Amino acid sequence: MSRAFYRWLLAVLLILASSGACWMVLHYFFAAHTEFGSAPHPAEPSLLRLHGIAAVAGVFLLGSVASGHIAAGWYQTRNRPSGITLAIAAIALILSGYALYYVTSDSWRGGIALAHEIVGIAGIAVALLHWKRRG
């Protein structure tokens, strides 16, 4: 993959990870308290918009990675386990992200959101492991 493409991929994934992590911190630790109970932090909607915009770019870039990098790297067995895990995590994040956007049932959204958050955090760790072993 070219250096320019790699930089775009890292920038988009950094925006995705940081916007998701910031949203989680604000949502779970800095909720606003009103006379009617807890309310979302005022920055949460903006972070979700940024996360969604970056997700669209991320899906596009990961499609390109799938068609080039994964196919070319399949024969290098060194990173195959972390690459497969990373690809599965990306698919799970894409599907759960779309589900969070379209599913309106509160009983489903809680579980989907929790799965998205767990896979997102784990995906960051797997990505760092995969990139560390590339050299």
C-alpha atoms as a PDB file:
ATOM      1  CA  MET A   1       0.000   0.000   0.000  1.00  0.00           C
ATOM      2  CA  SER A   2       1.288   3.450  -0.821  1.00  0.00           C
ATOM      3  CA  ARG A   3       2.536   5.788   1.874  1.00  0.00           C
ATOM      4  CA  ALA A   4      -0.226   8.333   1.090  1.00  0.00           C
ATOM      5  CA  PHE A   5      -2.958   5.674   1.301  1.00  0.00           C
ATOM      6  CA  TYR A   6      -1.490   4.369   4.546  1.00  0.00           C
ATOM      7  CA  ARG A   7      -1.556   7.879   6.038  1.00  0.00           C
ATOM      8  CA  TRP A   8      -5.201   8.375   5.019  1.00  0.00           C
ATOM      9  CA  LEU A   9      -6.094   4.996   6.494  1.00  0.00           C
ATOM     10  CA  LEU A  10      -4.348   5.787   9.767  1.00  0.00           C
ATOM     11  CA  ALA A  11      -5.938   9.248   9.953  1.00  0.00           C
ATOM     12  CA  VAL A  12      -9.451   7.902   9.416  1.00  0.00           C
ATOM     13  CA  LEU A  13      -8.944   5.038  11.868  1.00  0.00           C
ATOM     14  CA  LEU A  14      -7.513   7.460  14.434  1.00  0.00           C
ATOM     15  CA  ILE A  15     -10.577   9.701  14.067  1.00  0.00           C
ATOM     16  CA  LEU A  16     -12.842   6.658  14.395  1.00  0.00           C
ATOM     17  CA  ALA A  17     -11.078   5.347  17.489  1.00  0.00           C
ATOM     18  CA  SER A  18     -10.703   8.703  19.220  1.00  0.00           C
ATOM     19  CA  SER A  19     -14.262   9.880  18.527  1.00  0.00           C
ATOM     20  CA  GLY A  20     -15.637   6.552  19.767  1.00  0.00           C
ATOM     21  CA  ALA A  21     -13.435   6.570  22.867  1.00  0.00           C
ATOM     22  CA  CYS A  22     -14.261  10.205  23.665  1.00  0.00           C
ATOM     23  CA  TRP A  23     -17.968   9.486  23.259  1.00  0.00           C
ATOM     24  CA  MET A  24     -17.704   6.523  25.635  1.00  0.00           C
ATOM     25  CA  VAL A  25     -15.880   8.569  28.289  1.00  0.00           C
ATOM     26  CA  LEU A  26     -18.422  11.393  28.080  1.00  0.00           C
ATOM     27  CA  HIS A  27     -21.386   9.028  27.967  1.00  0.00           C
ATOM     28  CA  TYR A  28     -20.377   6.868  30.911  1.00  0.00           C
ATOM     29  CA  PHE A  29     -18.512   9.307  33.144  1.00  0.00           C
ATOM     30  CA  PHE A  30     -19.686  12.837  32.338  1.00  0.00           C
ATOM     31  CA  ALA A  31     -23.428  12.638  31.813  1.00  0.00           C
ATOM     32  CA  ALA A  32     -25.234  15.870  32.575  1.00  0.00           C
ATOM     33  CA  HIS A  33     -27.501  15.777  35.597  1.00  0.00           C
ATOM     34  CA  THR A  34     -30.754  17.656  35.223  1.00  0.00           C
ATOM     35  CA  GLU A  35     -33.852  17.986  37.331  1.00  0.00           C
ATOM     36  CA  PHE A  36     -35.322  15.163  35.214  1.00  0.00           C
ATOM     37  CA  GLY A  37     -32.384  12.767  35.714  1.00  0.00           C
ATOM     38  CA  SER A  38     -29.324  11.986  33.609  1.00  0.00           C
ATOM     39  CA  ALA A  39     -28.966  13.544  30.188  1.00  0.00           C
ATOM     40  CA  PRO A  40     -26.308  12.982  27.530  1.00  0.00           C
ATOM     41  CA  HIS A  41     -23.261  15.229  27.631  1.00  0.00           C
ATOM     42  CA  PRO A  42     -23.734  18.123  25.182  1.00  0.00           C
ATOM     43  CA  ALA A  43     -20.744  17.007  23.065  1.00  0.00           C
ATOM     44  CA  GLU A  44     -22.089  13.489  22.468  1.00  0.00           C
ATOM     45  CA  PRO A  45     -24.142  14.265  19.328  1.00  0.00           C
ATOM     46  CA  SER A  46     -21.206  16.015  17.641  1.00  0.00           C
ATOM     47  CA  LEU A  47     -18.884  13.128  18.452  1.00  0.00           C
ATOM     48  CA  LEU A  48     -21.392  10.625  17.043  1.00  0.00           C
ATOM     49  CA  ARG A  49     -21.681  12.663  13.826  1.00  0.00           C
ATOM     50  CA  LEU A  50     -17.896  12.765  13.470  1.00  0.00           C
ATOM     51  CA  HIS A  51     -17.727   9.039  14.211  1.00  0.00           C
ATOM     52  CA  GLY A  52     -20.377   8.338  11.557  1.00  0.00           C
ATOM     53  CA  ILE A  53     -18.654  10.443   8.900  1.00  0.00           C
ATOM     54  CA  ALA A  54     -15.321   8.759   9.644  1.00  0.00           C
ATOM     55  CA  ALA A  55     -17.069   5.361   9.538  1.00  0.00           C
ATOM     56  CA  VAL A  56     -18.224   5.978   5.967  1.00  0.00           C
ATOM     57  CA  ALA A  57     -14.664   6.877   4.956  1.00  0.00           C
ATOM     58  CA  GLY A  58     -13.376   3.888   6.939  1.00  0.00           C
ATOM     59  CA  VAL A  59     -15.671   1.447   5.136  1.00  0.00           C
ATOM     60  CA  PHE A  60     -14.454   2.807   1.801  1.00  0.00           C
ATOM     61  CA  LEU A  61     -10.778   2.580   2.798  1.00  0.00           C
ATOM     62  CA  LEU A  62     -11.170  -0.878   4.345  1.00  0.00           C
ATOM     63  CA  GLY A  63     -12.752  -2.059   1.095  1.00  0.00           C
ATOM     64  CA  SER A  64      -9.619  -0.947  -0.683  1.00  0.00           C
ATOM     65  CA  VAL A  65      -7.476  -2.678   1.949  1.00  0.00           C
ATOM     66  CA  ALA A  66      -9.484  -5.865   1.453  1.00  0.00           C
ATOM     67  CA  SER A  67      -8.974  -5.858  -2.289  1.00  0.00           C
ATOM     68  CA  GLY A  68      -5.251  -5.094  -2.214  1.00  0.00           C
ATOM     69  CA  HIS A  69      -3.423  -5.487   1.087  1.00  0.00           C
ATOM     70  CA  ILE A  70      -5.272  -8.547   2.367  1.00  0.00           C
ATOM     71  CA  ALA A  71      -5.014 -10.399  -0.925  1.00  0.00           C
ATOM     72  CA  ALA A  72      -1.308  -9.589  -1.300  1.00  0.00           C
ATOM     73  CA  GLY A  73      -0.511 -10.297   2.345  1.00  0.00           C
ATOM     74  CA  TRP A  74      -2.357 -13.602   2.575  1.00  0.00           C
ATOM     75  CA  TYR A  75       0.776 -15.542   1.620  1.00  0.00           C
ATOM     76  CA  GLN A  76       2.835 -13.887   4.360  1.00  0.00           C
ATOM     77  CA  THR A  77       1.762 -16.098   7.229  1.00  0.00           C
ATOM     78  CA  ARG A  78       3.423 -13.866   9.834  1.00  0.00           C
ATOM     79  CA  ASN A  79       0.438 -11.521  10.281  1.00  0.00           C
ATOM     80  CA  ARG A  80      -2.342 -13.829   9.147  1.00  0.00           C
ATOM     81  CA  PRO A  81      -3.895 -14.461  12.618  1.00  0.00           C
ATOM     82  CA  SER A  82      -3.987 -10.779  13.565  1.00  0.00           C
ATOM     83  CA  GLY A  83      -5.110  -9.833  10.046  1.00  0.00           C
ATOM     84  CA  ILE A  84      -8.011 -12.292  10.114  1.00  0.00           C
ATOM     85  CA  THR A  85      -8.983 -11.097  13.589  1.00  0.00           C
ATOM     86  CA  LEU A  86      -8.789  -7.485  12.437  1.00  0.00           C
ATOM     87  CA  ALA A  87     -10.940  -8.214   9.378  1.00  0.00           C
ATOM     88  CA  ILE A  88     -13.563  -9.983  11.522  1.00  0.00           C
ATOM     89  CA  ALA A  89     -13.552  -7.080  13.997  1.00  0.00           C
ATOM     90  CA  ALA A  90     -13.997  -4.591  11.131  1.00  0.00           C
ATOM     91  CA  ILE A  91     -16.951  -6.557   9.760  1.00  0.00           C
ATOM     92  CA  ALA A  92     -18.514  -6.769  13.234  1.00  0.00           C
ATOM     93  CA  LEU A  93     -18.040  -3.019  13.775  1.00  0.00           C
ATOM     94  CA  ILE A  94     -19.540  -2.168  10.388  1.00  0.00           C
ATOM     95  CA  LEU A  95     -22.574  -4.398  10.941  1.00  0.00           C
ATOM     96  CA  SER A  96     -23.152  -3.280  14.527  1.00  0.00           C
ATOM     97  CA  GLY A  97     -22.640   0.372  13.525  1.00  0.00           C
ATOM     98  CA  TYR A  98     -25.315   0.099  10.840  1.00  0.00           C
ATOM     99  CA  ALA A  99     -27.561  -1.717  13.316  1.00  0.00           C
ATOM    100  CA  LEU A 100     -27.151   1.102  15.835  1.00  0.00           C
ATOM    101  CA  TYR A 101     -28.180   3.559  13.155  1.00  0.00           C
ATOM    102  CA  TYR A 102     -31.243   1.635  11.953  1.00  0.00           C
ATOM    103  CA  VAL A 103     -32.502  -0.475  14.880  1.00  0.00           C
ATOM    104  CA  THR A 104     -35.032   1.457  16.941  1.00  0.00           C
ATOM    105  CA  SER A 105     -35.905  -1.145  19.566  1.00  0.00           C
ATOM    106  CA  ASP A 106     -34.434  -0.139  22.939  1.00  0.00           C
ATOM    107  CA  SER A 107     -34.199  -3.780  23.986  1.00  0.00           C
ATOM    108  CA  TRP A 108     -31.879  -4.522  21.022  1.00  0.00           C
ATOM    109  CA  ARG A 109     -29.899  -1.273  21.003  1.00  0.00           C
ATOM    110  CA  GLY A 110     -28.334  -1.794  24.428  1.00  0.00           C
ATOM    111  CA  GLY A 111     -26.819  -5.145  23.482  1.00  0.00           C
ATOM    112  CA  ILE A 112     -25.729  -3.978  20.054  1.00  0.00           C
ATOM    113  CA  ALA A 113     -24.115  -0.866  21.560  1.00  0.00           C
ATOM    114  CA  LEU A 114     -22.246  -2.905  24.165  1.00  0.00           C
ATOM    115  CA  ALA A 115     -20.988  -5.344  21.522  1.00  0.00           C
ATOM    116  CA  HIS A 116     -19.899  -2.421  19.301  1.00  0.00           C
ATOM    117  CA  GLU A 117     -17.997  -0.826  22.181  1.00  0.00           C
ATOM    118  CA  ILE A 118     -16.253  -4.061  23.225  1.00  0.00           C
ATOM    119  CA  VAL A 119     -15.266  -4.988  19.663  1.00  0.00           C
ATOM    120  CA  GLY A 120     -14.123  -1.398  19.049  1.00  0.00           C
ATOM    121  CA  ILE A 121     -11.807  -1.426  22.052  1.00  0.00           C
ATOM    122  CA  ALA A 122     -10.505  -4.906  21.225  1.00  0.00           C
ATOM    123  CA  GLY A 123     -10.098  -3.911  17.572  1.00  0.00           C
ATOM    124  CA  ILE A 124      -7.781  -1.079  18.530  1.00  0.00           C
ATOM    125  CA  ALA A 125      -5.571  -3.522  20.435  1.00  0.00           C
ATOM    126  CA  VAL A 126      -5.538  -6.012  17.542  1.00  0.00           C
ATOM    127  CA  ALA A 127      -4.754  -3.243  15.027  1.00  0.00           C
ATOM    128  CA  LEU A 128      -1.811  -2.065  17.109  1.00  0.00           C
ATOM    129  CA  LEU A 129      -0.513  -5.637  17.341  1.00  0.00           C
ATOM    130  CA  HIS A 130      -0.955  -6.148  13.584  1.00  0.00           C
ATOM    131  CA  TRP A 131       0.857  -2.914  12.704  1.00  0.00           C
ATOM    132  CA  LYS A 132       3.647  -3.513  15.217  1.00  0.00           C
ATOM    133  CA  ARG A 133       4.443  -6.854  13.588  1.00  0.00           C
ATOM    134  CA  ARG A 134       4.532  -5.465  10.047  1.00  0.00           C
ATOM    135  CA  GLY A 135       8.192  -4.501  10.178  1.00  0.00           C
END
